[in-house]
């Protein structure tokens, strides 16, 4: 796990449609995972394995949050 964490420091994600990016476990918004930044919300979440795409919809050619 330590090797993965070190490797991920040098990786950037292109969100695109968000279908391959973990909402909670990938670094896609800021410099750490949302799971790390918001542990209490993560623990209460029903969607621990959700992708970013699970929370976005297209509206008028733009992504909008569903929840």
PDB file of N, CA and C in Angstrom:
ATOM      1  N   UNK A   1       0.825  -1.191   0.000  1.00  0.00           N
ATOM      2  CA  UNK A   1       0.000   0.000   0.000  1.00  0.00           C
ATOM      3  C   UNK A   1       0.871   1.258   0.000  1.00  0.00           C
ATOM      4  N   UNK A   2       1.987   1.242   0.716  1.00  0.00           N
ATOM      5  CA  UNK A   2       2.864   2.408   0.766  1.00  0.00           C
ATOM      6  C   UNK A   2       3.419   2.733  -0.613  1.00  0.00           C
ATOM      7  N   UNK A   3       3.715   1.707  -1.408  1.00  0.00           N
ATOM      8  CA  UNK A   3       4.227   1.921  -2.763  1.00  0.00           C
ATOM      9  C   UNK A   3       3.158   2.576  -3.626  1.00  0.00           C
ATOM     10  N   UNK A   4       1.929   2.110  -3.504  1.00  0.00           N
ATOM     11  CA  UNK A   4       0.827   2.705  -4.277  1.00  0.00           C
ATOM     12  C   UNK A   4       0.654   4.177  -3.900  1.00  0.00           C
ATOM     13  N   UNK A   5       0.667   4.471  -2.612  1.00  0.00           N
ATOM     14  CA  UNK A   5       0.500   5.861  -2.163  1.00  0.00           C
ATOM     15  C   UNK A   5       1.605   6.753  -2.719  1.00  0.00           C
ATOM     16  N   UNK A   6       2.837   6.261  -2.708  1.00  0.00           N
ATOM     17  CA  UNK A   6       3.959   7.036  -3.228  1.00  0.00           C
ATOM     18  C   UNK A   6       3.819   7.238  -4.735  1.00  0.00           C
ATOM     19  N   UNK A   7       3.423   6.190  -5.438  1.00  0.00           N
ATOM     20  CA  UNK A   7       3.218   6.275  -6.882  1.00  0.00           C
ATOM     21  C   UNK A   7       2.122   7.276  -7.220  1.00  0.00           C
ATOM     22  N   UNK A   8       1.038   7.249  -6.462  1.00  0.00           N
ATOM     23  CA  UNK A   8      -0.113   8.102  -6.756  1.00  0.00           C
ATOM     24  C   UNK A   8       0.201   9.583  -6.572  1.00  0.00           C
ATOM     25  N   UNK A   9       1.233   9.918  -5.816  1.00  0.00           N
ATOM     26  CA  UNK A   9       1.615  11.321  -5.652  1.00  0.00           C
ATOM     27  C   UNK A   9       2.021  11.949  -6.974  1.00  0.00           C
ATOM     28  N   UNK A  10       2.526  11.141  -7.903  1.00  0.00           N
ATOM     29  CA  UNK A  10       2.970  11.655  -9.190  1.00  0.00           C
ATOM     30  C   UNK A  10       1.988  11.434 -10.315  1.00  0.00           C
ATOM     31  N   UNK A  11       0.773  10.987 -10.001  1.00  0.00           N
ATOM     32  CA  UNK A  11      -0.219  10.663 -11.022  1.00  0.00           C
ATOM     33  C   UNK A  11      -1.334  11.704 -11.007  1.00  0.00           C
ATOM     34  N   UNK A  12      -1.778  12.083 -12.179  1.00  0.00           N
ATOM     35  CA  UNK A  12      -2.937  12.971 -12.300  1.00  0.00           C
ATOM     36  C   UNK A  12      -3.993  12.272 -13.137  1.00  0.00           C
ATOM     37  N   UNK A  13      -5.236  12.419 -12.764  1.00  0.00           N
ATOM     38  CA  UNK A  13      -6.335  11.817 -13.491  1.00  0.00           C
ATOM     39  C   UNK A  13      -6.996  12.845 -14.391  1.00  0.00           C
ATOM     40  N   UNK A  14      -7.401  12.398 -15.557  1.00  0.00           N
ATOM     41  CA  UNK A  14      -8.275  13.179 -16.412  1.00  0.00           C
ATOM     42  C   UNK A  14      -9.655  12.575 -16.191  1.00  0.00           C
ATOM     43  N   UNK A  15     -10.548  13.346 -15.655  1.00  0.00           N
ATOM     44  CA  UNK A  15     -11.851  12.818 -15.259  1.00  0.00           C
ATOM     45  C   UNK A  15     -12.644  12.286 -16.444  1.00  0.00           C
ATOM     46  N   UNK A  16     -12.673  13.031 -17.536  1.00  0.00           N
ATOM     47  CA  UNK A  16     -13.484  12.587 -18.672  1.00  0.00           C
ATOM     48  C   UNK A  16     -14.920  12.374 -18.232  1.00  0.00           C
ATOM     49  N   UNK A  17     -15.449  11.189 -18.485  1.00  0.00           N
ATOM     50  CA  UNK A  17     -16.812  10.858 -18.070  1.00  0.00           C
ATOM     51  C   UNK A  17     -16.881  10.400 -16.620  1.00  0.00           C
ATOM     52  N   UNK A  18     -15.732  10.157 -16.016  1.00  0.00           N
ATOM     53  CA  UNK A  18     -15.695   9.772 -14.606  1.00  0.00           C
ATOM     54  C   UNK A  18     -16.017   8.317 -14.327  1.00  0.00           C
ATOM     55  N   UNK A  19     -16.092   7.509 -15.361  1.00  0.00           N
ATOM     56  CA  UNK A  19     -16.507   6.111 -15.173  1.00  0.00           C
ATOM     57  C   UNK A  19     -15.393   5.206 -14.652  1.00  0.00           C
ATOM     58  N   UNK A  20     -14.155   5.672 -14.645  1.00  0.00           N
ATOM     59  CA  UNK A  20     -13.044   4.854 -14.149  1.00  0.00           C
ATOM     60  C   UNK A  20     -12.347   5.486 -12.949  1.00  0.00           C
ATOM     61  N   UNK A  21     -12.929   6.554 -12.416  1.00  0.00           N
ATOM     62  CA  UNK A  21     -12.342   7.264 -11.284  1.00  0.00           C
ATOM     63  C   UNK A  21     -13.187   7.004 -10.042  1.00  0.00           C
ATOM     64  N   UNK A  22     -12.571   6.471  -8.993  1.00  0.00           N
ATOM     65  CA  UNK A  22     -13.272   6.226  -7.738  1.00  0.00           C
ATOM     66  C   UNK A  22     -13.564   7.561  -7.047  1.00  0.00           C
ATOM     67  N   UNK A  23     -14.824   7.785  -6.720  1.00  0.00           N
ATOM     68  CA  UNK A  23     -15.231   9.025  -6.069  1.00  0.00           C
ATOM     69  C   UNK A  23     -14.491   9.225  -4.748  1.00  0.00           C
ATOM     70  N   UNK A  24     -14.400   8.185  -3.932  1.00  0.00           N
ATOM     71  CA  UNK A  24     -13.806   8.284  -2.603  1.00  0.00           C
ATOM     72  C   UNK A  24     -12.320   7.954  -2.555  1.00  0.00           C
ATOM     73  N   UNK A  25     -11.826   7.076  -3.422  1.00  0.00           N
ATOM     74  CA  UNK A  25     -10.496   6.504  -3.232  1.00  0.00           C
ATOM     75  C   UNK A  25      -9.423   6.973  -4.200  1.00  0.00           C
ATOM     76  N   UNK A  26      -9.774   7.724  -5.216  1.00  0.00           N
ATOM     77  CA  UNK A  26      -8.780   8.278  -6.135  1.00  0.00           C
ATOM     78  C   UNK A  26      -8.609   9.768  -5.856  1.00  0.00           C
ATOM     79  N   UNK A  27      -7.436  10.268  -6.147  1.00  0.00           N
ATOM     80  CA  UNK A  27      -7.171  11.703  -5.971  1.00  0.00           C
ATOM     81  C   UNK A  27      -7.590  12.401  -7.261  1.00  0.00           C
ATOM     82  N   UNK A  28      -8.755  12.983  -7.250  1.00  0.00           N
ATOM     83  CA  UNK A  28      -9.266  13.658  -8.442  1.00  0.00           C
ATOM     84  C   UNK A  28      -9.749  15.076  -8.122  1.00  0.00           C
ATOM     85  N   UNK A  29      -9.843  15.386  -6.852  1.00  0.00           N
ATOM     86  CA  UNK A  29     -10.341  16.691  -6.422  1.00  0.00           C
ATOM     87  C   UNK A  29      -9.473  17.156  -5.253  1.00  0.00           C
ATOM     88  N   UNK A  30      -8.445  17.904  -5.546  1.00  0.00           N
ATOM     89  CA  UNK A  30      -7.519  18.318  -4.505  1.00  0.00           C
ATOM     90  C   UNK A  30      -6.270  17.458  -4.506  1.00  0.00           C
ATOM     91  N   UNK A  31      -5.583  17.419  -3.369  1.00  0.00           N
ATOM     92  CA  UNK A  31      -4.306  16.716  -3.290  1.00  0.00           C
ATOM     93  C   UNK A  31      -4.361  15.414  -2.516  1.00  0.00           C
ATOM     94  N   UNK A  32      -5.522  15.073  -1.961  1.00  0.00           N
ATOM     95  CA  UNK A  32      -5.716  13.804  -1.270  1.00  0.00           C
ATOM     96  C   UNK A  32      -7.072  13.238  -1.667  1.00  0.00           C
ATOM     97  N   UNK A  33      -7.346  12.016  -1.235  1.00  0.00           N
ATOM     98  CA  UNK A  33      -8.641  11.412  -1.566  1.00  0.00           C
ATOM     99  C   UNK A  33      -9.746  12.062  -0.737  1.00  0.00           C
ATOM    100  N   UNK A  34     -10.948  12.023  -1.246  1.00  0.00           N
ATOM    101  CA  UNK A  34     -12.084  12.537  -0.475  1.00  0.00           C
ATOM    102  C   UNK A  34     -12.310  11.676   0.767  1.00  0.00           C
ATOM    103  N   UNK A  35     -11.993  10.385   0.664  1.00  0.00           N
ATOM    104  CA  UNK A  35     -12.091   9.500   1.822  1.00  0.00           C
ATOM    105  C   UNK A  35     -11.199  10.001   2.960  1.00  0.00           C
ATOM    106  N   UNK A  36     -10.013  10.452   2.637  1.00  0.00           N
ATOM    107  CA  UNK A  36      -9.069  10.972   3.634  1.00  0.00           C
ATOM    108  C   UNK A  36      -9.530  12.333   4.163  1.00  0.00           C
ATOM    109  N   UNK A  37     -10.003  13.192   3.264  1.00  0.00           N
ATOM    110  CA  UNK A  37     -10.410  14.543   3.668  1.00  0.00           C
ATOM    111  C   UNK A  37     -11.710  14.568   4.470  1.00  0.00           C
ATOM    112  N   UNK A  38     -12.608  13.621   4.192  1.00  0.00           N
ATOM    113  CA  UNK A  38     -13.936  13.611   4.826  1.00  0.00           C
ATOM    114  C   UNK A  38     -14.274  12.234   5.390  1.00  0.00           C
ATOM    115  N   UNK A  39     -13.498  11.743   6.366  1.00  0.00           N
ATOM    116  CA  UNK A  39     -13.694  10.374   6.860  1.00  0.00           C
ATOM    117  C   UNK A  39     -15.068  10.115   7.472  1.00  0.00           C
ATOM    118  N   UNK A  40     -15.645  11.093   8.151  1.00  0.00           N
ATOM    119  CA  UNK A  40     -16.958  10.880   8.766  1.00  0.00           C
ATOM    120  C   UNK A  40     -18.053  10.737   7.716  1.00  0.00           C
ATOM    121  N   UNK A  41     -17.973  11.530   6.654  1.00  0.00           N
ATOM    122  CA  UNK A  41     -18.954  11.418   5.569  1.00  0.00           C
ATOM    123  C   UNK A  41     -18.761  10.087   4.843  1.00  0.00           C
ATOM    124  N   UNK A  42     -17.500   9.705   4.612  1.00  0.00           N
ATOM    125  CA  UNK A  42     -17.215   8.432   3.947  1.00  0.00           C
ATOM    126  C   UNK A  42     -17.819   7.265   4.726  1.00  0.00           C
ATOM    127  N   UNK A  43     -17.648   7.261   6.037  1.00  0.00           N
ATOM    128  CA  UNK A  43     -18.174   6.160   6.854  1.00  0.00           C
ATOM    129  C   UNK A  43     -19.689   6.043   6.757  1.00  0.00           C
ATOM    130  N   UNK A  44     -20.377   7.165   6.554  1.00  0.00           N
ATOM    131  CA  UNK A  44     -21.839   7.158   6.444  1.00  0.00           C
ATOM    132  C   UNK A  44     -22.329   6.926   5.019  1.00  0.00           C
ATOM    133  N   UNK A  45     -21.417   6.964   4.065  1.00  0.00           N
ATOM    134  CA  UNK A  45     -21.787   6.834   2.655  1.00  0.00           C
ATOM    135  C   UNK A  45     -22.265   5.429   2.314  1.00  0.00           C
ATOM    136  N   UNK A  46     -23.312   5.365   1.505  1.00  0.00           N
ATOM    137  CA  UNK A  46     -23.789   4.087   0.970  1.00  0.00           C
ATOM    138  C   UNK A  46     -23.069   3.736  -0.317  1.00  0.00           C
ATOM    139  N   UNK A  47     -22.298   4.660  -0.867  1.00  0.00           N
ATOM    140  CA  UNK A  47     -21.659   4.456  -2.161  1.00  0.00           C
ATOM    141  C   UNK A  47     -20.148   4.443  -2.077  1.00  0.00           C
ATOM    142  N   UNK A  48     -19.587   3.644  -1.204  1.00  0.00           N
ATOM    143  CA  UNK A  48     -18.137   3.624  -0.997  1.00  0.00           C
ATOM    144  C   UNK A  48     -17.353   3.191  -2.236  1.00  0.00           C
ATOM    145  N   UNK A  49     -17.984   2.474  -3.142  1.00  0.00           N
ATOM    146  CA  UNK A  49     -17.296   2.027  -4.357  1.00  0.00           C
ATOM    147  C   UNK A  49     -17.762   2.793  -5.596  1.00  0.00           C
ATOM    148  N   UNK A  50     -18.511   3.848  -5.406  1.00  0.00           N
ATOM    149  CA  UNK A  50     -19.019   4.633  -6.537  1.00  0.00           C
ATOM    150  C   UNK A  50     -17.897   5.281  -7.335  1.00  0.00           C
ATOM    151  N   UNK A  51     -18.164   5.475  -8.601  1.00  0.00           N
ATOM    152  CA  UNK A  51     -17.274   6.251  -9.453  1.00  0.00           C
ATOM    153  C   UNK A  51     -17.741   7.702  -9.446  1.00  0.00           C
ATOM    154  N   UNK A  52     -16.916   8.584  -9.967  1.00  0.00           N
ATOM    155  CA  UNK A  52     -17.319   9.984 -10.112  1.00  0.00           C
ATOM    156  C   UNK A  52     -18.552  10.065 -11.003  1.00  0.00           C
ATOM    157  N   UNK A  53     -18.605   9.243 -12.036  1.00  0.00           N
ATOM    158  CA  UNK A  53     -19.729   9.254 -12.973  1.00  0.00           C
ATOM    159  C   UNK A  53     -21.063   8.950 -12.291  1.00  0.00           C
ATOM    160  N   UNK A  54     -21.033   8.190 -11.201  1.00  0.00           N
ATOM    161  CA  UNK A  54     -22.264   7.852 -10.484  1.00  0.00           C
ATOM    162  C   UNK A  54     -22.926   9.084  -9.877  1.00  0.00           C
ATOM    163  N   UNK A  55     -22.179  10.170  -9.752  1.00  0.00           N
ATOM    164  CA  UNK A  55     -22.703  11.382  -9.119  1.00  0.00           C
ATOM    165  C   UNK A  55     -22.814  12.561 -10.080  1.00  0.00           C
ATOM    166  N   UNK A  56     -22.581  12.311 -11.357  1.00  0.00           N
ATOM    167  CA  UNK A  56     -22.663  13.371 -12.359  1.00  0.00           C
ATOM    168  C   UNK A  56     -23.643  13.004 -13.463  1.00  0.00           C
ATOM    169  N   UNK A  57     -24.314  13.987 -13.982  1.00  0.00           N
ATOM    170  CA  UNK A  57     -25.152  13.852 -15.167  1.00  0.00           C
ATOM    171  C   UNK A  57     -24.781  14.959 -16.137  1.00  0.00           C
ATOM    172  N   UNK A  58     -25.081  14.731 -17.397  1.00  0.00           N
ATOM    173  CA  UNK A  58     -24.890  15.777 -18.405  1.00  0.00           C
ATOM    174  C   UNK A  58     -26.169  16.588 -18.515  1.00  0.00           C
ATOM    175  N   UNK A  59     -26.029  17.905 -18.493  1.00  0.00           N
ATOM    176  CA  UNK A  59     -27.167  18.793 -18.697  1.00  0.00           C
ATOM    177  C   UNK A  59     -26.679  19.982 -19.507  1.00  0.00           C
ATOM    178  N   UNK A  60     -27.255  20.184 -20.664  1.00  0.00           N
ATOM    179  CA  UNK A  60     -26.861  21.278 -21.548  1.00  0.00           C
ATOM    180  C   UNK A  60     -25.357  21.266 -21.836  1.00  0.00           C
ATOM    181  N   UNK A  61     -24.803  20.068 -22.040  1.00  0.00           N
ATOM    182  CA  UNK A  61     -23.398  19.937 -22.392  1.00  0.00           C
ATOM    183  C   UNK A  61     -22.420  20.110 -21.258  1.00  0.00           C
ATOM    184  N   UNK A  62     -22.926  20.122 -20.010  1.00  0.00           N
ATOM    185  CA  UNK A  62     -22.038  20.272 -18.849  1.00  0.00           C
ATOM    186  C   UNK A  62     -22.363  19.212 -17.813  1.00  0.00           C
ATOM    187  N   UNK A  63     -21.337  18.848 -17.021  1.00  0.00           N
ATOM    188  CA  UNK A  63     -21.567  17.942 -15.910  1.00  0.00           C
ATOM    189  C   UNK A  63     -22.271  18.687 -14.784  1.00  0.00           C
ATOM    190  N   UNK A  64     -23.269  18.051 -14.207  1.00  0.00           N
ATOM    191  CA  UNK A  64     -23.934  18.603 -13.007  1.00  0.00           C
ATOM    192  C   UNK A  64     -24.002  17.492 -11.969  1.00  0.00           C
ATOM    193  N   UNK A  65     -23.863  17.840 -10.706  1.00  0.00           N
ATOM    194  CA  UNK A  65     -23.903  16.855  -9.629  1.00  0.00           C
ATOM    195  C   UNK A  65     -25.331  16.364  -9.429  1.00  0.00           C
ATOM    196  N   UNK A  66     -25.482  15.056  -9.238  1.00  0.00           N
ATOM    197  CA  UNK A  66     -26.800  14.486  -9.012  1.00  0.00           C
ATOM    198  C   UNK A  66     -27.201  14.542  -7.549  1.00  0.00           C
ATOM    199  N   UNK A  67     -26.210  14.539  -6.650  1.00  0.00           N
ATOM    200  CA  UNK A  67     -26.501  14.575  -5.210  1.00  0.00           C
ATOM    201  C   UNK A  67     -25.430  15.336  -4.501  1.00  0.00           C
TER     202      UNK A  67
END
